[in-house]
Amino acid sequence: MKVGVLGSGEVGQTLAAGFLKYGHEVMMGTRDTSKLAGFAKEHRGARVGSNAEAAKFGDVIVLAVKGHAAADVLESAGAENLRGKTVLDACNPLADAPPVNGVLVPFTAANESLMGRLQEQFPAANFVKVFNCVGSATMVDPKFEVKPTMFIAGNDAGAKRTATSICEQFGWEVADMGSADAARAIEPLAILWCIPGFLHNDWGQRAFKML
């Protein structure tokens, strides 16, 4: 596949490297291409361009930015460049506030999700919530005694099949939680995942498993 990755941070680079590892074509989009010069040098075949160029390039789009920046990044990518495409949404709606007893504060209400907002704002794109509830160190080829579970949600069945195929290629089992409404339940898993880190400085490898 051709994959456009929107986001130059650790998550975006990790997923981009994973796609390259498994033979996909990748273009990373960013407002400042100099941020990715080192990544492009270390990863043969990686392309770097603007958000609009990456979105136009990709048959599949990865959205891997801070939650409060997600809408603006998609706006800069261009709605027409997203039309009809699968958008793998790895973002979390975390406020710019310190955790309280290890618990981060979301900027969304209990009856909404960030992905739901984005799906309403860009209705022609097919969003799938994925990769938001695990650390970047385990996103590709996780090494546990059992295969961990990646929870996904979205309105388009074809987009979820694409997301499932990618997750399985990266070493995950997939639990499809249904429509985009289920992102309201998946997004808070990131807060749960972070609690041991904030409370005990335990940022080791861990993931969820559906039993």
Protein backbone atom coordinates (compact mmCIF):
# COMPACT_ATOMS: atom_id res chain seq x y z
CA MET A 1 0.00 0.00 0.00
CA LYS A 2 0.88 3.65 -0.25
CA VAL A 3 0.70 5.13 3.24
CA GLY A 4 0.68 8.81 4.14
CA VAL A 5 1.70 9.45 7.73
CA LEU A 6 0.59 12.76 9.24
CA GLY A 7 2.81 13.44 12.23
CA SER A 8 6.56 13.68 12.74
CA GLY A 9 6.69 12.56 16.38
CA GLU A 10 7.63 9.23 17.92
CA VAL A 11 4.34 7.48 17.11
CA GLY A 12 4.34 8.63 13.49
CA GLN A 13 7.94 7.59 13.00
CA THR A 14 7.37 4.21 14.64
CA LEU A 15 4.39 3.38 12.47
CA ALA A 16 6.10 4.69 9.34
CA ALA A 17 9.09 2.45 10.06
CA GLY A 18 6.72 -0.48 10.53
CA PHE A 19 5.06 0.09 7.18
CA LEU A 20 8.44 0.33 5.49
CA LYS A 21 9.58 -2.87 7.20
CA TYR A 22 6.62 -4.74 5.73
CA GLY A 23 7.13 -3.47 2.20
CA HIS A 24 4.71 -0.57 1.98
CA GLU A 25 5.49 2.80 0.41
CA VAL A 26 5.51 5.65 2.90
CA MET A 27 5.42 9.43 2.74
CA MET A 28 5.51 11.36 6.00
CA GLY A 29 3.76 14.69 6.18
CA THR A 30 4.87 17.53 8.38
CA ARG A 31 4.86 21.31 8.57
CA ASP A 32 8.64 21.28 9.07
CA THR A 33 10.39 18.72 6.85
CA SER A 34 13.70 19.31 8.64
CA LYS A 35 12.29 17.41 11.63
CA LEU A 36 12.31 14.23 9.56
CA ALA A 37 15.67 14.57 7.83
CA GLY A 38 17.26 12.07 10.20
CA PHE A 39 14.39 9.60 9.83
CA ALA A 40 14.57 9.75 6.03
CA LYS A 41 18.31 9.20 6.14
CA GLU A 42 17.98 6.15 8.41
CA HIS A 43 15.02 4.59 6.59
CA ARG A 44 15.62 3.89 2.96
CA GLY A 45 12.62 4.62 0.80
CA ALA A 46 10.94 7.00 3.23
CA ARG A 47 9.62 10.14 1.59
CA VAL A 48 8.95 13.43 3.33
CA GLY A 49 6.60 16.20 2.27
CA SER A 50 3.85 18.51 3.42
CA ASN A 51 0.70 17.19 5.07
CA ALA A 52 -1.19 17.76 1.82
CA GLU A 53 1.43 15.90 -0.21
CA ALA A 54 1.42 12.95 2.18
CA ALA A 55 -2.38 12.78 2.24
CA LYS A 56 -2.56 12.90 -1.54
CA PHE A 57 0.14 10.21 -1.80
CA GLY A 58 -1.42 7.72 0.58
CA ASP A 59 -4.14 5.21 -0.17
CA VAL A 60 -4.21 4.86 3.63
CA ILE A 61 -3.61 7.79 5.98
CA VAL A 62 -2.15 7.56 9.49
CA LEU A 63 -3.05 10.39 11.85
CA ALA A 64 -0.47 10.46 14.66
CA VAL A 65 -0.42 13.90 16.26
CA LYS A 66 -1.42 15.46 19.56
CA GLY A 67 -5.17 15.38 19.94
CA HIS A 68 -5.65 19.14 20.09
CA ALA A 69 -3.78 19.50 16.77
CA ALA A 70 -5.60 16.73 14.90
CA ALA A 71 -8.29 18.83 13.22
CA ASP A 72 -5.82 21.49 12.09
CA VAL A 73 -3.47 18.87 10.66
CA LEU A 74 -6.31 17.26 8.71
CA GLU A 75 -7.35 20.69 7.50
CA SER A 76 -3.83 21.31 6.20
CA ALA A 77 -3.86 17.87 4.56
CA GLY A 78 -6.95 18.86 2.60
CA ALA A 79 -10.41 17.32 2.74
CA GLU A 80 -10.25 16.30 -0.93
CA ASN A 81 -7.04 14.38 -0.30
CA LEU A 82 -8.82 12.41 2.44
CA ARG A 83 -11.99 11.65 0.50
CA GLY A 84 -12.85 7.94 0.47
CA LYS A 85 -9.61 6.96 2.22
CA THR A 86 -9.03 4.97 5.38
CA VAL A 87 -7.69 7.23 8.14
CA LEU A 88 -6.03 5.31 10.97
CA ASP A 89 -6.59 7.57 13.96
CA ALA A 90 -3.96 7.03 16.67
CA CYS A 91 -4.70 10.31 18.48
CA ASN A 92 -5.92 10.83 22.03
CA PRO A 93 -7.95 13.77 23.38
CA LEU A 94 -5.59 14.68 26.22
CA ALA A 95 -5.68 18.15 27.71
CA ASP A 96 -2.52 20.16 28.28
CA ALA A 97 -2.74 19.56 32.01
CA PRO A 98 -0.78 17.46 34.50
CA PRO A 99 -2.20 14.12 35.61
CA VAL A 100 -4.19 13.94 38.85
CA ASN A 101 -3.04 10.96 40.91
CA GLY A 102 -1.63 9.52 37.72
CA VAL A 103 -4.82 10.06 35.72
CA LEU A 104 -4.64 12.30 32.66
CA VAL A 105 -7.47 14.70 31.86
CA PRO A 106 -9.33 14.40 28.53
CA PHE A 107 -10.68 17.44 26.74
CA THR A 108 -13.69 15.51 25.46
CA ALA A 109 -16.92 14.87 27.36
CA ALA A 110 -17.97 11.38 28.45
CA ASN A 111 -20.51 11.07 25.64
CA GLU A 112 -18.14 12.04 22.80
CA SER A 113 -14.78 11.14 21.34
CA LEU A 114 -12.10 12.97 19.43
CA MET A 115 -12.53 10.59 16.52
CA GLY A 116 -16.25 11.28 16.51
CA ARG A 117 -15.54 14.97 16.19
CA LEU A 118 -13.10 14.37 13.34
CA GLN A 119 -15.51 12.06 11.51
CA GLU A 120 -18.17 14.77 11.64
CA GLN A 121 -15.74 17.43 10.44
CA PHE A 122 -14.40 15.26 7.59
CA PRO A 123 -17.38 13.07 6.66
CA ALA A 124 -15.92 11.87 3.35
CA ALA A 125 -13.00 10.15 5.10
CA ASN A 126 -13.29 6.74 6.75
CA PHE A 127 -11.84 6.98 10.24
CA VAL A 128 -10.77 3.95 12.28
CA LYS A 129 -9.64 4.29 15.89
CA VAL A 130 -6.46 2.24 16.29
CA PHE A 131 -2.97 2.28 17.88
CA ASN A 132 -4.04 4.86 20.49
CA CYS A 133 -3.97 2.63 23.59
CA VAL A 134 -0.41 1.28 23.47
CA GLY A 135 3.07 2.75 23.73
CA SER A 136 5.10 3.29 20.60
CA ALA A 137 7.64 0.65 21.66
CA THR A 138 5.08 -2.11 21.15
CA MET A 139 3.11 -0.84 18.16
CA VAL A 140 5.03 -2.97 15.66
CA ASP A 141 5.98 -6.60 16.41
CA PRO A 142 4.99 -6.60 20.12
CA LYS A 143 6.84 -9.21 22.17
CA PHE A 144 4.63 -10.71 24.87
CA GLU A 145 3.91 -14.27 25.98
CA VAL A 146 0.52 -13.98 24.29
CA LYS A 147 -0.61 -11.96 21.29
CA PRO A 148 -2.03 -8.64 22.56
CA THR A 149 -5.34 -7.17 21.48
CA MET A 150 -5.76 -4.02 19.42
CA PHE A 151 -9.21 -2.46 19.81
CA ILE A 152 -10.61 -0.71 16.75
CA ALA A 153 -13.79 1.15 15.89
CA GLY A 154 -15.18 2.94 12.86
CA ASN A 155 -18.24 3.32 10.66
CA ASP A 156 -16.86 1.89 7.41
CA ALA A 157 -16.51 -1.90 7.18
CA GLY A 158 -13.92 -1.73 4.39
CA ALA A 159 -11.75 0.69 6.35
CA LYS A 160 -11.88 -1.60 9.36
CA ARG A 161 -10.83 -4.55 7.21
CA THR A 162 -7.83 -2.52 6.08
CA ALA A 163 -6.99 -1.60 9.68
CA THR A 164 -7.36 -5.23 10.74
CA SER A 165 -5.01 -6.42 8.02
CA ILE A 166 -2.38 -3.87 9.07
CA CYS A 167 -2.69 -4.72 12.76
CA GLU A 168 -2.36 -8.43 12.05
CA GLN A 169 0.68 -7.80 9.88
CA PHE A 170 2.20 -5.83 12.76
CA GLY A 171 1.61 -8.73 15.17
CA TRP A 172 -1.73 -7.97 16.83
CA GLU A 173 -5.05 -9.69 17.20
CA VAL A 174 -7.94 -7.34 16.55
CA ALA A 175 -11.15 -6.75 18.48
CA ASP A 176 -13.65 -4.76 16.40
CA MET A 177 -15.76 -2.77 18.84
CA GLY A 178 -18.21 -1.55 16.20
CA SER A 179 -19.09 1.94 15.02
CA ALA A 180 -17.30 5.21 15.62
CA ASP A 181 -19.36 5.61 18.81
CA ALA A 182 -17.13 2.96 20.41
CA ALA A 183 -14.17 5.32 20.19
CA ARG A 184 -15.65 6.89 23.32
CA ALA A 185 -14.64 3.69 25.13
CA ILE A 186 -11.34 3.06 23.34
CA GLU A 187 -9.78 6.50 23.74
CA PRO A 188 -9.76 6.39 27.59
CA LEU A 189 -7.67 3.20 27.46
CA ALA A 190 -4.70 5.46 26.77
CA ILE A 191 -5.29 7.13 30.14
CA LEU A 192 -5.39 3.73 31.84
CA TRP A 193 -2.20 2.64 30.03
CA CYS A 194 -0.33 5.71 31.34
CA ILE A 195 -1.22 5.42 35.04
CA PRO A 196 1.68 3.08 36.04
CA GLY A 197 4.07 5.43 34.29
CA PHE A 198 2.95 8.51 36.16
CA LEU A 199 2.55 6.76 39.52
CA HIS A 200 5.60 4.48 39.49
CA ASN A 201 7.72 5.70 36.56
CA ASP A 202 6.94 2.36 34.91
CA TRP A 203 6.92 3.05 31.20
CA GLY A 204 7.79 -0.52 30.22
CA GLN A 205 6.14 -2.59 27.54
CA ARG A 206 2.53 -3.48 28.24
CA ALA A 207 -0.67 -3.91 26.28
CA PHE A 208 -4.27 -5.01 26.70
CA LYS A 209 -5.64 -8.49 26.05
CA MET A 210 -9.26 -9.45 25.44
CA LEU A 211 -10.05 -12.72 27.22
